[in-house]
Amino acid sequence: MNEHNKASANPQSASAADEWLLVIDMQHAFGADDSVWKVEGFWEIAPRVQRLMAAYENRTIMMRYVSPVTSENGWLQYLSHYPSMRLPADDHAWDIVINHPPGIRIETRATFAKWDAEIAAVVGPDARVALCGVATECCVLATAMAAIDEGCLVSIVEDACAGATVQLHQRAIEMLSTLTPLVRITRVAEITRL
């Protein structure tokens, strides 16, 4: 078997040419210095996320988190710890704050996991998906788990993700790395040079 055929036989040999990119929650709420949900390294990964968007072009979906509107259940208890984040969906805290091409698809969810039936329908039944954005230990992790539960192969672009702290990011990456071959840990340079 030659090298080309070896790559074709590898279910995780995907690149920007044959997988989708989900950009998770690159929003003011997670990048602002005065936010209780500030993500360490947010602005450090922003240029890398933009490089990925340029590589994936129209196979990119930007995901946007908003706090759920609820008066009961666990979400109410969770948000009681962060009263400053109980904001309407049109609050500037939820604005995407990195440059992106006009017309790019933006989807809003009031959940940690951004993978659902609607996203699955957009990318198709045999999709491979790359994830980048924030926070690695929360919405990136939740999205990866939801996608692989549906049989989707997921690439985590490690250096284009960031966690609330460096330590939480590293722990999440370590956990996700145990899920090979459903999950592949990769880096921006590996994708953009393909």
C-alpha atoms as a PDB file:
ATOM      1  CA  MET A   1       0.000   0.000   0.000  1.00  0.00           C
ATOM      2  CA  ASN A   2       1.491   3.379  -0.991  1.00  0.00           C
ATOM      3  CA  GLU A   3       1.454   6.436   1.277  1.00  0.00           C
ATOM      4  CA  HIS A   4      -1.570   7.965  -0.454  1.00  0.00           C
ATOM      5  CA  ASN A   5      -3.607   4.810   0.067  1.00  0.00           C
ATOM      6  CA  LYS A   6      -2.459   4.546   3.671  1.00  0.00           C
ATOM      7  CA  ALA A   7      -3.736   8.056   4.301  1.00  0.00           C
ATOM      8  CA  SER A   8      -7.029   7.291   2.584  1.00  0.00           C
ATOM      9  CA  ALA A   9      -7.508   4.205   4.731  1.00  0.00           C
ATOM     10  CA  ASN A  10      -6.949   6.122   7.954  1.00  0.00           C
ATOM     11  CA  PRO A  11     -10.333   7.326   9.253  1.00  0.00           C
ATOM     12  CA  GLN A  12      -8.658  10.271  10.964  1.00  0.00           C
ATOM     13  CA  SER A  13      -6.534  11.493   8.032  1.00  0.00           C
ATOM     14  CA  ALA A  14      -8.966  14.364   7.430  1.00  0.00           C
ATOM     15  CA  SER A  15      -7.954  17.891   6.508  1.00  0.00           C
ATOM     16  CA  ALA A  16      -9.658  21.206   5.835  1.00  0.00           C
ATOM     17  CA  ALA A  17     -10.615  19.828   2.424  1.00  0.00           C
ATOM     18  CA  ASP A  18     -12.854  17.087   3.760  1.00  0.00           C
ATOM     19  CA  GLU A  19     -14.037  18.053   7.228  1.00  0.00           C
ATOM     20  CA  TRP A  20     -15.971  20.916   8.827  1.00  0.00           C
ATOM     21  CA  LEU A  21     -14.726  23.419  11.391  1.00  0.00           C
ATOM     22  CA  LEU A  22     -16.823  24.393  14.399  1.00  0.00           C
ATOM     23  CA  VAL A  23     -15.557  27.564  16.079  1.00  0.00           C
ATOM     24  CA  ILE A  24     -16.798  27.462  19.650  1.00  0.00           C
ATOM     25  CA  ASP A  25     -17.815  30.625  21.529  1.00  0.00           C
ATOM     26  CA  MET A  26     -15.212  33.222  20.538  1.00  0.00           C
ATOM     27  CA  GLN A  27     -17.300  35.874  22.281  1.00  0.00           C
ATOM     28  CA  HIS A  28     -16.907  38.990  24.418  1.00  0.00           C
ATOM     29  CA  ALA A  29     -18.105  37.109  27.517  1.00  0.00           C
ATOM     30  CA  PHE A  30     -15.055  34.839  27.350  1.00  0.00           C
ATOM     31  CA  GLY A  31     -12.452  37.348  26.203  1.00  0.00           C
ATOM     32  CA  ALA A  32     -13.186  40.429  28.321  1.00  0.00           C
ATOM     33  CA  ASP A  33     -10.871  41.110  31.251  1.00  0.00           C
ATOM     34  CA  ASP A  34     -13.794  42.040  33.517  1.00  0.00           C
ATOM     35  CA  SER A  35     -15.864  38.926  32.765  1.00  0.00           C
ATOM     36  CA  VAL A  36     -16.322  36.223  35.402  1.00  0.00           C
ATOM     37  CA  TRP A  37     -16.072  33.760  32.510  1.00  0.00           C
ATOM     38  CA  LYS A  38     -12.810  35.140  31.106  1.00  0.00           C
ATOM     39  CA  VAL A  39     -10.794  32.418  29.397  1.00  0.00           C
ATOM     40  CA  GLU A  40      -7.042  32.492  29.880  1.00  0.00           C
ATOM     41  CA  GLY A  41      -5.371  32.572  26.484  1.00  0.00           C
ATOM     42  CA  PHE A  42      -8.482  33.727  24.585  1.00  0.00           C
ATOM     43  CA  TRP A  43      -6.679  36.427  22.629  1.00  0.00           C
ATOM     44  CA  GLU A  44      -3.594  34.257  22.169  1.00  0.00           C
ATOM     45  CA  ILE A  45      -5.584  31.656  20.216  1.00  0.00           C
ATOM     46  CA  ALA A  46      -7.670  34.184  18.253  1.00  0.00           C
ATOM     47  CA  PRO A  47      -5.218  34.513  15.309  1.00  0.00           C
ATOM     48  CA  ARG A  48      -4.925  30.725  15.100  1.00  0.00           C
ATOM     49  CA  VAL A  49      -8.692  30.375  14.970  1.00  0.00           C
ATOM     50  CA  GLN A  50      -8.744  32.902  12.142  1.00  0.00           C
ATOM     51  CA  ARG A  51      -6.103  30.893  10.262  1.00  0.00           C
ATOM     52  CA  LEU A  52      -8.309  27.844  10.555  1.00  0.00           C
ATOM     53  CA  MET A  53     -11.355  29.737   9.287  1.00  0.00           C
ATOM     54  CA  ALA A  54      -9.355  30.828   6.261  1.00  0.00           C
ATOM     55  CA  ALA A  55      -8.343  27.216   5.613  1.00  0.00           C
ATOM     56  CA  TYR A  56     -11.834  25.749   5.989  1.00  0.00           C
ATOM     57  CA  GLU A  57     -13.568  28.633   4.185  1.00  0.00           C
ATOM     58  CA  ASN A  58     -17.281  27.831   3.684  1.00  0.00           C
ATOM     59  CA  ARG A  59     -16.990  24.624   5.715  1.00  0.00           C
ATOM     60  CA  THR A  60     -16.916  26.726   8.893  1.00  0.00           C
ATOM     61  CA  ILE A  61     -19.703  27.213  11.428  1.00  0.00           C
ATOM     62  CA  MET A  62     -19.262  29.747  14.228  1.00  0.00           C
ATOM     63  CA  MET A  63     -21.100  28.757  17.390  1.00  0.00           C
ATOM     64  CA  ARG A  64     -22.417  31.334  19.832  1.00  0.00           C
ATOM     65  CA  TYR A  65     -23.414  30.631  23.433  1.00  0.00           C
ATOM     66  CA  VAL A  66     -26.202  32.496  25.249  1.00  0.00           C
ATOM     67  CA  SER A  67     -27.402  31.840  28.771  1.00  0.00           C
ATOM     68  CA  PRO A  68     -30.578  29.764  28.843  1.00  0.00           C
ATOM     69  CA  VAL A  69     -33.783  31.545  29.767  1.00  0.00           C
ATOM     70  CA  THR A  70     -35.141  29.446  32.604  1.00  0.00           C
ATOM     71  CA  SER A  71     -36.730  29.830  36.021  1.00  0.00           C
ATOM     72  CA  GLU A  72     -36.151  26.280  37.202  1.00  0.00           C
ATOM     73  CA  ASN A  73     -33.889  23.200  37.020  1.00  0.00           C
ATOM     74  CA  GLY A  74     -30.111  22.957  37.283  1.00  0.00           C
ATOM     75  CA  TRP A  75     -29.393  25.852  34.956  1.00  0.00           C
ATOM     76  CA  LEU A  76     -30.998  28.250  37.433  1.00  0.00           C
ATOM     77  CA  GLN A  77     -28.756  26.940  40.198  1.00  0.00           C
ATOM     78  CA  TYR A  78     -25.684  27.137  37.970  1.00  0.00           C
ATOM     79  CA  LEU A  79     -26.377  30.686  36.840  1.00  0.00           C
ATOM     80  CA  SER A  80     -27.079  31.787  40.420  1.00  0.00           C
ATOM     81  CA  HIS A  81     -23.302  31.544  40.879  1.00  0.00           C
ATOM     82  CA  TYR A  82     -22.808  33.935  37.933  1.00  0.00           C
ATOM     83  CA  PRO A  83     -25.602  36.524  38.180  1.00  0.00           C
ATOM     84  CA  SER A  84     -23.715  38.934  35.913  1.00  0.00           C
ATOM     85  CA  MET A  85     -24.079  36.405  33.079  1.00  0.00           C
ATOM     86  CA  ARG A  86     -27.869  36.107  33.257  1.00  0.00           C
ATOM     87  CA  LEU A  87     -28.218  38.268  30.187  1.00  0.00           C
ATOM     88  CA  PRO A  88     -30.621  38.445  27.231  1.00  0.00           C
ATOM     89  CA  ALA A  89     -29.560  36.816  23.988  1.00  0.00           C
ATOM     90  CA  ASP A  90     -28.944  40.194  22.321  1.00  0.00           C
ATOM     91  CA  ASP A  91     -26.582  41.498  25.024  1.00  0.00           C
ATOM     92  CA  HIS A  92     -23.162  42.573  23.736  1.00  0.00           C
ATOM     93  CA  ALA A  93     -21.553  39.994  26.041  1.00  0.00           C
ATOM     94  CA  TRP A  94     -22.584  37.343  23.516  1.00  0.00           C
ATOM     95  CA  ASP A  95     -21.097  39.177  20.522  1.00  0.00           C
ATOM     96  CA  ILE A  96     -18.471  37.322  18.511  1.00  0.00           C
ATOM     97  CA  VAL A  97     -15.318  39.400  18.837  1.00  0.00           C
ATOM     98  CA  ILE A  98     -12.918  37.931  16.294  1.00  0.00           C
ATOM     99  CA  ASN A  99     -12.965  38.973  12.662  1.00  0.00           C
ATOM    100  CA  HIS A 100     -14.798  36.588  10.390  1.00  0.00           C
ATOM    101  CA  PRO A 101     -15.817  36.576   6.735  1.00  0.00           C
ATOM    102  CA  PRO A 102     -19.145  38.221   5.918  1.00  0.00           C
ATOM    103  CA  GLY A 103     -21.901  35.709   5.424  1.00  0.00           C
ATOM    104  CA  ILE A 104     -20.282  32.990   7.528  1.00  0.00           C
ATOM    105  CA  ARG A 105     -22.821  30.701   9.185  1.00  0.00           C
ATOM    106  CA  ILE A 106     -23.394  31.573  12.861  1.00  0.00           C
ATOM    107  CA  GLU A 107     -25.481  29.340  15.107  1.00  0.00           C
ATOM    108  CA  THR A 108     -26.670  30.205  18.619  1.00  0.00           C
ATOM    109  CA  ARG A 109     -27.223  27.639  21.367  1.00  0.00           C
ATOM    110  CA  ALA A 110     -28.137  27.927  25.057  1.00  0.00           C
ATOM    111  CA  THR A 111     -26.219  24.743  25.844  1.00  0.00           C
ATOM    112  CA  PHE A 112     -22.596  23.806  26.488  1.00  0.00           C
ATOM    113  CA  ALA A 113     -22.641  21.195  23.723  1.00  0.00           C
ATOM    114  CA  LYS A 114     -22.957  22.781  20.301  1.00  0.00           C
ATOM    115  CA  TRP A 115     -23.491  19.518  18.424  1.00  0.00           C
ATOM    116  CA  ASP A 116     -27.129  18.663  17.748  1.00  0.00           C
ATOM    117  CA  ALA A 117     -29.365  17.316  14.987  1.00  0.00           C
ATOM    118  CA  GLU A 118     -29.384  20.640  13.146  1.00  0.00           C
ATOM    119  CA  ILE A 119     -25.586  20.895  13.001  1.00  0.00           C
ATOM    120  CA  ALA A 120     -25.341  17.225  12.041  1.00  0.00           C
ATOM    121  CA  ALA A 121     -27.735  17.862   9.153  1.00  0.00           C
ATOM    122  CA  VAL A 122     -25.605  20.765   7.901  1.00  0.00           C
ATOM    123  CA  VAL A 123     -22.318  18.858   7.871  1.00  0.00           C
ATOM    124  CA  GLY A 124     -23.808  15.596   6.610  1.00  0.00           C
ATOM    125  CA  PRO A 125     -24.056  12.014   7.857  1.00  0.00           C
ATOM    126  CA  ASP A 126     -20.412  11.038   7.249  1.00  0.00           C
ATOM    127  CA  ALA A 127     -18.953  14.239   8.609  1.00  0.00           C
ATOM    128  CA  ARG A 128     -15.573  14.739  10.151  1.00  0.00           C
ATOM    129  CA  VAL A 129     -15.449  17.803  12.384  1.00  0.00           C
ATOM    130  CA  ALA A 130     -12.597  19.891  13.777  1.00  0.00           C
ATOM    131  CA  LEU A 131     -13.206  21.911  16.937  1.00  0.00           C
ATOM    132  CA  CYS A 132     -11.494  25.064  18.132  1.00  0.00           C
ATOM    133  CA  GLY A 133     -12.384  27.865  20.524  1.00  0.00           C
ATOM    134  CA  VAL A 134     -13.315  28.036  24.199  1.00  0.00           C
ATOM    135  CA  ALA A 135     -13.462  26.736  26.786  1.00  0.00           C
ATOM    136  CA  THR A 136     -11.632  23.447  26.261  1.00  0.00           C
ATOM    137  CA  GLU A 137     -12.892  21.890  29.491  1.00  0.00           C
ATOM    138  CA  CYS A 138     -16.476  23.046  28.985  1.00  0.00           C
ATOM    139  CA  CYS A 139     -18.126  23.786  25.635  1.00  0.00           C
ATOM    140  CA  VAL A 140     -15.377  22.286  23.460  1.00  0.00           C
ATOM    141  CA  LEU A 141     -15.371  19.103  25.530  1.00  0.00           C
ATOM    142  CA  ALA A 142     -19.180  18.909  25.651  1.00  0.00           C
ATOM    143  CA  THR A 143     -19.418  19.414  21.886  1.00  0.00           C
ATOM    144  CA  ALA A 144     -16.823  16.725  21.216  1.00  0.00           C
ATOM    145  CA  MET A 145     -18.617  14.213  23.441  1.00  0.00           C
ATOM    146  CA  ALA A 146     -22.004  14.922  21.839  1.00  0.00           C
ATOM    147  CA  ALA A 147     -20.532  14.518  18.347  1.00  0.00           C
ATOM    148  CA  ILE A 148     -18.687  11.267  19.009  1.00  0.00           C
ATOM    149  CA  ASP A 149     -21.791   9.821  20.660  1.00  0.00           C
ATOM    150  CA  GLU A 150     -23.389  10.182  17.225  1.00  0.00           C
ATOM    151  CA  GLY A 151     -20.429   8.448  15.554  1.00  0.00           C
ATOM    152  CA  CYS A 152     -18.756  11.606  14.246  1.00  0.00           C
ATOM    153  CA  LEU A 153     -14.955  11.621  14.044  1.00  0.00           C
ATOM    154  CA  VAL A 154     -13.633  14.709  15.838  1.00  0.00           C
ATOM    155  CA  SER A 155     -10.330  16.574  15.624  1.00  0.00           C
ATOM    156  CA  ILE A 156      -9.446  18.870  18.526  1.00  0.00           C
ATOM    157  CA  VAL A 157      -7.128  21.643  17.373  1.00  0.00           C
ATOM    158  CA  GLU A 158      -5.192  21.857  20.607  1.00  0.00           C
ATOM    159  CA  ASP A 159      -3.364  25.142  20.053  1.00  0.00           C
ATOM    160  CA  ALA A 160      -6.545  26.862  18.818  1.00  0.00           C
ATOM    161  CA  CYS A 161      -8.436  26.021  22.026  1.00  0.00           C
ATOM    162  CA  ALA A 162      -8.131  27.606  25.453  1.00  0.00           C
ATOM    163  CA  GLY A 163      -9.505  26.863  28.887  1.00  0.00           C
ATOM    164  CA  ALA A 164     -10.425  28.950  31.900  1.00  0.00           C
ATOM    165  CA  THR A 165      -6.871  28.147  33.018  1.00  0.00           C
ATOM    166  CA  VAL A 166      -3.939  26.504  31.277  1.00  0.00           C
ATOM    167  CA  GLN A 167      -4.235  23.588  33.675  1.00  0.00           C
ATOM    168  CA  LEU A 168      -7.909  22.974  32.879  1.00  0.00           C
ATOM    169  CA  HIS A 169      -7.136  23.124  29.158  1.00  0.00           C
ATOM    170  CA  GLN A 170      -4.357  20.561  29.536  1.00  0.00           C
ATOM    171  CA  ARG A 171      -6.525  18.206  31.609  1.00  0.00           C
ATOM    172  CA  ALA A 172      -9.302  18.339  29.031  1.00  0.00           C
ATOM    173  CA  ILE A 173      -6.861  17.595  26.200  1.00  0.00           C
ATOM    174  CA  GLU A 174      -5.427  14.678  28.159  1.00  0.00           C
ATOM    175  CA  MET A 175      -8.894  13.236  28.704  1.00  0.00           C
ATOM    176  CA  LEU A 176      -9.938  13.689  25.082  1.00  0.00           C
ATOM    177  CA  SER A 177      -6.712  12.040  23.899  1.00  0.00           C
ATOM    178  CA  THR A 178      -7.854   8.782  25.522  1.00  0.00           C
ATOM    179  CA  LEU A 179     -10.751   8.557  23.049  1.00  0.00           C
ATOM    180  CA  THR A 180      -8.662   7.681  19.987  1.00  0.00           C
ATOM    181  CA  PRO A 181      -9.636   6.975  17.224  1.00  0.00           C
ATOM    182  CA  LEU A 182     -12.927   8.824  17.760  1.00  0.00           C
ATOM    183  CA  VAL A 183     -10.938  11.885  18.759  1.00  0.00           C
ATOM    184  CA  ARG A 184      -7.686  13.078  17.225  1.00  0.00           C
ATOM    185  CA  ILE A 185      -5.589  15.811  18.858  1.00  0.00           C
ATOM    186  CA  THR A 186      -3.992  18.042  16.242  1.00  0.00           C
ATOM    187  CA  ARG A 187      -2.500  21.512  15.784  1.00  0.00           C
ATOM    188  CA  VAL A 188      -3.086  24.447  13.452  1.00  0.00           C
ATOM    189  CA  ALA A 189       0.154  23.917  11.504  1.00  0.00           C
ATOM    190  CA  GLU A 190      -0.711  20.294  10.829  1.00  0.00           C
ATOM    191  CA  ILE A 191      -4.045  21.282   9.275  1.00  0.00           C
ATOM    192  CA  THR A 192      -2.996  24.390   7.372  1.00  0.00           C
ATOM    193  CA  ARG A 193      -0.038  22.707   5.671  1.00  0.00           C
ATOM    194  CA  LEU A 194      -2.178  19.869   4.229  1.00  0.00           C
END
